[in-house]
Amino acid sequence: MIYQEKIKGFKWFALVLLAPLILIYQTTKPDFKHLNSDFYQFIGFSLFLVFLMLIVLFQYLKITFNPDFLQVSYVPYTLLGASKKIKYSDIKHWEILNIDPIYSFGGVGGVRKSKIYGEGYVISTDEFLFLELKSGEKISFNIKNPSKVAEIMRQKATLS
């Protein structure tokens, strides 16, 4: 049995990133007829914000519960190596937690570190699956359906 959860990021945050672009355009009014340093600064900043907006719009966290392991992928961070395969036999302790990502991880939207919860794949919700591995490593990630995840973890993690 394979179960998969896909959690998408904050789409409204892309609009928040658009606000400074509109504000800067309104205050500087770059002259598109005369190419000067203000124009190039505006274009550079605009491209940077558009790039950030695309990242925010297309980011998601995917957790796949396979028969022998679970896999956590966080796009676009997966391109940087932020994908994990965890064998159920390597799990020492697991727990479903309701924690504040801003307080515990210092924010949302990324792969973050916490002294208590270890490496966190944080995207939007307060519901987390916390894993402590036999190696001592701690990993936390957002989940969408805590009851279904708990049912799978009871079956898989206790069988190992």
C-alpha atoms as a PDB file:
ATOM      1  CA  MET A   1       0.000   0.000   0.000  1.00  0.00           C
ATOM      2  CA  ILE A   2       1.349   3.404  -0.974  1.00  0.00           C
ATOM      3  CA  TYR A   3      -0.121   6.530   0.594  1.00  0.00           C
ATOM      4  CA  GLN A   4       0.914   9.997  -0.517  1.00  0.00           C
ATOM      5  CA  GLU A   5       0.325  13.488   0.820  1.00  0.00           C
ATOM      6  CA  LYS A   6       1.060  16.643  -1.125  1.00  0.00           C
ATOM      7  CA  ILE A   7       0.928  19.969   0.697  1.00  0.00           C
ATOM      8  CA  LYS A   8       1.144  23.162  -1.317  1.00  0.00           C
ATOM      9  CA  GLY A   9       2.645  26.401  -0.052  1.00  0.00           C
ATOM     10  CA  PHE A  10       1.214  29.838   0.545  1.00  0.00           C
ATOM     11  CA  LYS A  11      -0.147  31.088  -2.787  1.00  0.00           C
ATOM     12  CA  TRP A  12      -1.194  34.398  -1.237  1.00  0.00           C
ATOM     13  CA  PHE A  13       2.447  35.112  -0.381  1.00  0.00           C
ATOM     14  CA  ALA A  14       3.164  35.568  -4.095  1.00  0.00           C
ATOM     15  CA  LEU A  15       0.793  38.545  -4.011  1.00  0.00           C
ATOM     16  CA  VAL A  16       2.679  39.919  -1.012  1.00  0.00           C
ATOM     17  CA  LEU A  17       5.857  39.771  -3.109  1.00  0.00           C
ATOM     18  CA  LEU A  18       4.106  41.641  -5.911  1.00  0.00           C
ATOM     19  CA  ALA A  19       3.245  44.603  -3.650  1.00  0.00           C
ATOM     20  CA  PRO A  20       6.828  45.999  -3.355  1.00  0.00           C
ATOM     21  CA  LEU A  21       7.191  45.817  -7.133  1.00  0.00           C
ATOM     22  CA  ILE A  22       4.084  47.930  -7.656  1.00  0.00           C
ATOM     23  CA  LEU A  23       5.119  50.336  -4.900  1.00  0.00           C
ATOM     24  CA  ILE A  24       8.618  50.834  -6.313  1.00  0.00           C
ATOM     25  CA  TYR A  25       7.250  51.320  -9.818  1.00  0.00           C
ATOM     26  CA  GLN A  26       4.805  53.956  -8.574  1.00  0.00           C
ATOM     27  CA  THR A  27       7.451  55.867  -6.593  1.00  0.00           C
ATOM     28  CA  THR A  28      10.374  55.737  -9.059  1.00  0.00           C
ATOM     29  CA  LYS A  29       8.495  55.800 -12.393  1.00  0.00           C
ATOM     30  CA  PRO A  30      11.429  54.395 -14.396  1.00  0.00           C
ATOM     31  CA  ASP A  31      11.848  56.002 -17.788  1.00  0.00           C
ATOM     32  CA  PHE A  32      11.763  53.225 -20.370  1.00  0.00           C
ATOM     33  CA  LYS A  33      12.915  55.620 -23.124  1.00  0.00           C
ATOM     34  CA  HIS A  34      16.197  56.535 -21.421  1.00  0.00           C
ATOM     35  CA  LEU A  35      18.115  53.556 -20.128  1.00  0.00           C
ATOM     36  CA  ASN A  36      19.863  54.684 -16.945  1.00  0.00           C
ATOM     37  CA  SER A  37      20.908  53.065 -13.653  1.00  0.00           C
ATOM     38  CA  ASP A  38      17.425  53.492 -12.112  1.00  0.00           C
ATOM     39  CA  PHE A  39      15.937  51.569 -15.014  1.00  0.00           C
ATOM     40  CA  TYR A  40      18.418  48.696 -14.654  1.00  0.00           C
ATOM     41  CA  GLN A  41      17.934  48.578 -10.877  1.00  0.00           C
ATOM     42  CA  PHE A  42      14.183  48.393 -11.368  1.00  0.00           C
ATOM     43  CA  ILE A  43      14.503  45.615 -13.968  1.00  0.00           C
ATOM     44  CA  GLY A  44      16.949  43.657 -11.771  1.00  0.00           C
ATOM     45  CA  PHE A  45      14.740  43.941  -8.699  1.00  0.00           C
ATOM     46  CA  SER A  46      11.659  43.033 -10.769  1.00  0.00           C
ATOM     47  CA  LEU A  47      13.296  39.882 -12.120  1.00  0.00           C
ATOM     48  CA  PHE A  48      14.367  38.902  -8.602  1.00  0.00           C
ATOM     49  CA  LEU A  49      10.805  39.309  -7.269  1.00  0.00           C
ATOM     50  CA  VAL A  50       9.324  37.391 -10.207  1.00  0.00           C
ATOM     51  CA  PHE A  51      11.796  34.564  -9.518  1.00  0.00           C
ATOM     52  CA  LEU A  52      10.750  34.518  -5.830  1.00  0.00           C
ATOM     53  CA  MET A  53       7.081  34.550  -6.808  1.00  0.00           C
ATOM     54  CA  LEU A  54       7.581  31.530  -9.077  1.00  0.00           C
ATOM     55  CA  ILE A  55       9.303  29.630  -6.266  1.00  0.00           C
ATOM     56  CA  VAL A  56       6.463  30.446  -3.862  1.00  0.00           C
ATOM     57  CA  LEU A  57       3.765  29.535  -6.391  1.00  0.00           C
ATOM     58  CA  PHE A  58       5.232  26.150  -7.277  1.00  0.00           C
ATOM     59  CA  GLN A  59       6.613  24.915  -3.948  1.00  0.00           C
ATOM     60  CA  TYR A  60       5.114  21.828  -2.341  1.00  0.00           C
ATOM     61  CA  LEU A  61       5.928  19.122   0.177  1.00  0.00           C
ATOM     62  CA  LYS A  62       5.324  15.517  -0.876  1.00  0.00           C
ATOM     63  CA  ILE A  63       5.389  12.633   1.614  1.00  0.00           C
ATOM     64  CA  THR A  64       5.143   9.119   0.211  1.00  0.00           C
ATOM     65  CA  PHE A  65       4.566   6.178   2.559  1.00  0.00           C
ATOM     66  CA  ASN A  66       5.924   3.147   0.663  1.00  0.00           C
ATOM     67  CA  PRO A  67       5.812  -0.434   1.984  1.00  0.00           C
ATOM     68  CA  ASP A  68       9.427  -0.340   3.279  1.00  0.00           C
ATOM     69  CA  PHE A  69      10.242   3.354   3.688  1.00  0.00           C
ATOM     70  CA  LEU A  70       8.825   6.844   3.653  1.00  0.00           C
ATOM     71  CA  GLN A  71      10.124   9.529   1.342  1.00  0.00           C
ATOM     72  CA  VAL A  72       9.945  13.266   1.923  1.00  0.00           C
ATOM     73  CA  SER A  73      10.498  15.644  -1.008  1.00  0.00           C
ATOM     74  CA  TYR A  74      10.270  19.412  -0.817  1.00  0.00           C
ATOM     75  CA  VAL A  75      10.197  21.129  -4.215  1.00  0.00           C
ATOM     76  CA  PRO A  76      12.169  23.346  -5.051  1.00  0.00           C
ATOM     77  CA  TYR A  77      14.596  22.279  -2.296  1.00  0.00           C
ATOM     78  CA  THR A  78      14.698  18.746  -3.740  1.00  0.00           C
ATOM     79  CA  LEU A  79      16.910  20.177  -6.470  1.00  0.00           C
ATOM     80  CA  LEU A  80      19.377  21.100  -3.708  1.00  0.00           C
ATOM     81  CA  GLY A  81      19.302  17.638  -2.133  1.00  0.00           C
ATOM     82  CA  ALA A  82      16.454  18.136   0.345  1.00  0.00           C
ATOM     83  CA  SER A  83      14.839  14.771  -0.229  1.00  0.00           C
ATOM     84  CA  LYS A  84      14.951  11.994   2.357  1.00  0.00           C
ATOM     85  CA  LYS A  85      14.249   8.279   2.280  1.00  0.00           C
ATOM     86  CA  ILE A  86      13.697   6.859   5.752  1.00  0.00           C
ATOM     87  CA  LYS A  87      13.340   3.133   6.346  1.00  0.00           C
ATOM     88  CA  TYR A  88      10.705   2.239   8.922  1.00  0.00           C
ATOM     89  CA  SER A  89      13.277  -0.030  10.589  1.00  0.00           C
ATOM     90  CA  ASP A  90      15.477   3.051  11.255  1.00  0.00           C
ATOM     91  CA  ILE A  91      12.753   4.834  13.266  1.00  0.00           C
ATOM     92  CA  LYS A  92      13.250   4.731  17.027  1.00  0.00           C
ATOM     93  CA  HIS A  93      10.297   6.964  17.990  1.00  0.00           C
ATOM     94  CA  TRP A  94       7.545   8.780  16.100  1.00  0.00           C
ATOM     95  CA  GLU A  95       4.871  11.203  17.187  1.00  0.00           C
ATOM     96  CA  ILE A  96       2.153  13.377  15.653  1.00  0.00           C
ATOM     97  CA  LEU A  97       2.540  16.900  17.032  1.00  0.00           C
ATOM     98  CA  ASN A  98       0.657  20.164  16.800  1.00  0.00           C
ATOM     99  CA  ILE A  99       3.388  22.807  16.967  1.00  0.00           C
ATOM    100  CA  ASP A 100       3.777  26.422  15.924  1.00  0.00           C
ATOM    101  CA  PRO A 101       6.256  26.471  13.014  1.00  0.00           C
ATOM    102  CA  ILE A 102       7.152  30.127  13.542  1.00  0.00           C
ATOM    103  CA  TYR A 103       8.086  29.585  17.193  1.00  0.00           C
ATOM    104  CA  SER A 104       9.664  26.139  16.779  1.00  0.00           C
ATOM    105  CA  PHE A 105      11.426  26.544  13.424  1.00  0.00           C
ATOM    106  CA  GLY A 106      11.686  30.315  13.029  1.00  0.00           C
ATOM    107  CA  GLY A 107       9.261  30.530  10.128  1.00  0.00           C
ATOM    108  CA  VAL A 108       7.473  28.657   7.383  1.00  0.00           C
ATOM    109  CA  GLY A 109       8.375  27.794   3.838  1.00  0.00           C
ATOM    110  CA  GLY A 110      11.599  25.856   3.747  1.00  0.00           C
ATOM    111  CA  VAL A 111      13.888  23.294   5.239  1.00  0.00           C
ATOM    112  CA  ARG A 112      14.640  24.622   8.713  1.00  0.00           C
ATOM    113  CA  LYS A 113      16.482  23.527  11.851  1.00  0.00           C
ATOM    114  CA  SER A 114      15.161  23.279  15.397  1.00  0.00           C
ATOM    115  CA  LYS A 115      17.033  22.231  18.527  1.00  0.00           C
ATOM    116  CA  ILE A 116      13.999  20.278  19.722  1.00  0.00           C
ATOM    117  CA  TYR A 117      12.507  18.912  16.482  1.00  0.00           C
ATOM    118  CA  GLY A 118      15.631  18.599  14.306  1.00  0.00           C
ATOM    119  CA  GLU A 119      15.493  19.159  10.575  1.00  0.00           C
ATOM    120  CA  GLY A 120      12.058  20.464   9.657  1.00  0.00           C
ATOM    121  CA  TYR A 121      10.332  20.422   6.296  1.00  0.00           C
ATOM    122  CA  VAL A 122       7.948  23.289   7.000  1.00  0.00           C
ATOM    123  CA  ILE A 123       5.356  24.560   4.554  1.00  0.00           C
ATOM    124  CA  SER A 124       2.042  25.656   6.050  1.00  0.00           C
ATOM    125  CA  THR A 125       0.180  23.615   8.651  1.00  0.00           C
ATOM    126  CA  ASP A 126       0.648  23.156  12.410  1.00  0.00           C
ATOM    127  CA  GLU A 127       0.395  19.349  12.168  1.00  0.00           C
ATOM    128  CA  PHE A 128       3.770  17.586  12.089  1.00  0.00           C
ATOM    129  CA  LEU A 129       5.114  14.054  12.017  1.00  0.00           C
ATOM    130  CA  PHE A 130       8.161  14.008  14.295  1.00  0.00           C
ATOM    131  CA  LEU A 131      10.650  11.171  13.822  1.00  0.00           C
ATOM    132  CA  GLU A 132      13.603  10.271  15.986  1.00  0.00           C
ATOM    133  CA  LEU A 133      15.859   7.820  14.200  1.00  0.00           C
ATOM    134  CA  LYS A 134      18.042   5.162  15.792  1.00  0.00           C
ATOM    135  CA  SER A 135      21.064   7.186  14.639  1.00  0.00           C
ATOM    136  CA  GLY A 136      19.904  10.067  16.873  1.00  0.00           C
ATOM    137  CA  GLU A 137      18.821  12.263  13.960  1.00  0.00           C
ATOM    138  CA  LYS A 138      15.519  14.124  14.383  1.00  0.00           C
ATOM    139  CA  ILE A 139      13.272  14.990  11.443  1.00  0.00           C
ATOM    140  CA  SER A 140       9.909  16.772  11.366  1.00  0.00           C
ATOM    141  CA  PHE A 141       7.613  17.544   8.484  1.00  0.00           C
ATOM    142  CA  ASN A 142       4.139  18.897   7.882  1.00  0.00           C
ATOM    143  CA  ILE A 143       1.305  16.473   7.287  1.00  0.00           C
ATOM    144  CA  LYS A 144      -2.216  16.983   6.008  1.00  0.00           C
ATOM    145  CA  ASN A 145      -4.091  14.015   7.453  1.00  0.00           C
ATOM    146  CA  PRO A 146      -2.795  13.206  10.985  1.00  0.00           C
ATOM    147  CA  SER A 147      -5.165  10.282  11.632  1.00  0.00           C
ATOM    148  CA  LYS A 148      -4.236   8.479   8.392  1.00  0.00           C
ATOM    149  CA  VAL A 149      -0.501   9.090   8.965  1.00  0.00           C
ATOM    150  CA  ALA A 150      -0.778   7.822  12.560  1.00  0.00           C
ATOM    151  CA  GLU A 151      -2.532   4.664  11.337  1.00  0.00           C
ATOM    152  CA  ILE A 152       0.217   3.984   8.778  1.00  0.00           C
ATOM    153  CA  MET A 153       2.995   4.701  11.280  1.00  0.00           C
ATOM    154  CA  ARG A 154       1.414   2.361  13.856  1.00  0.00           C
ATOM    155  CA  GLN A 155       1.453  -0.434  11.277  1.00  0.00           C
ATOM    156  CA  LYS A 156       4.835   0.229   9.678  1.00  0.00           C
ATOM    157  CA  ALA A 157       7.053   1.583  12.460  1.00  0.00           C
ATOM    158  CA  THR A 158       6.033  -1.059  15.007  1.00  0.00           C
ATOM    159  CA  LEU A 159       6.525  -3.947  12.558  1.00  0.00           C
ATOM    160  CA  SER A 160      10.189  -3.027  12.024  1.00  0.00           C
END
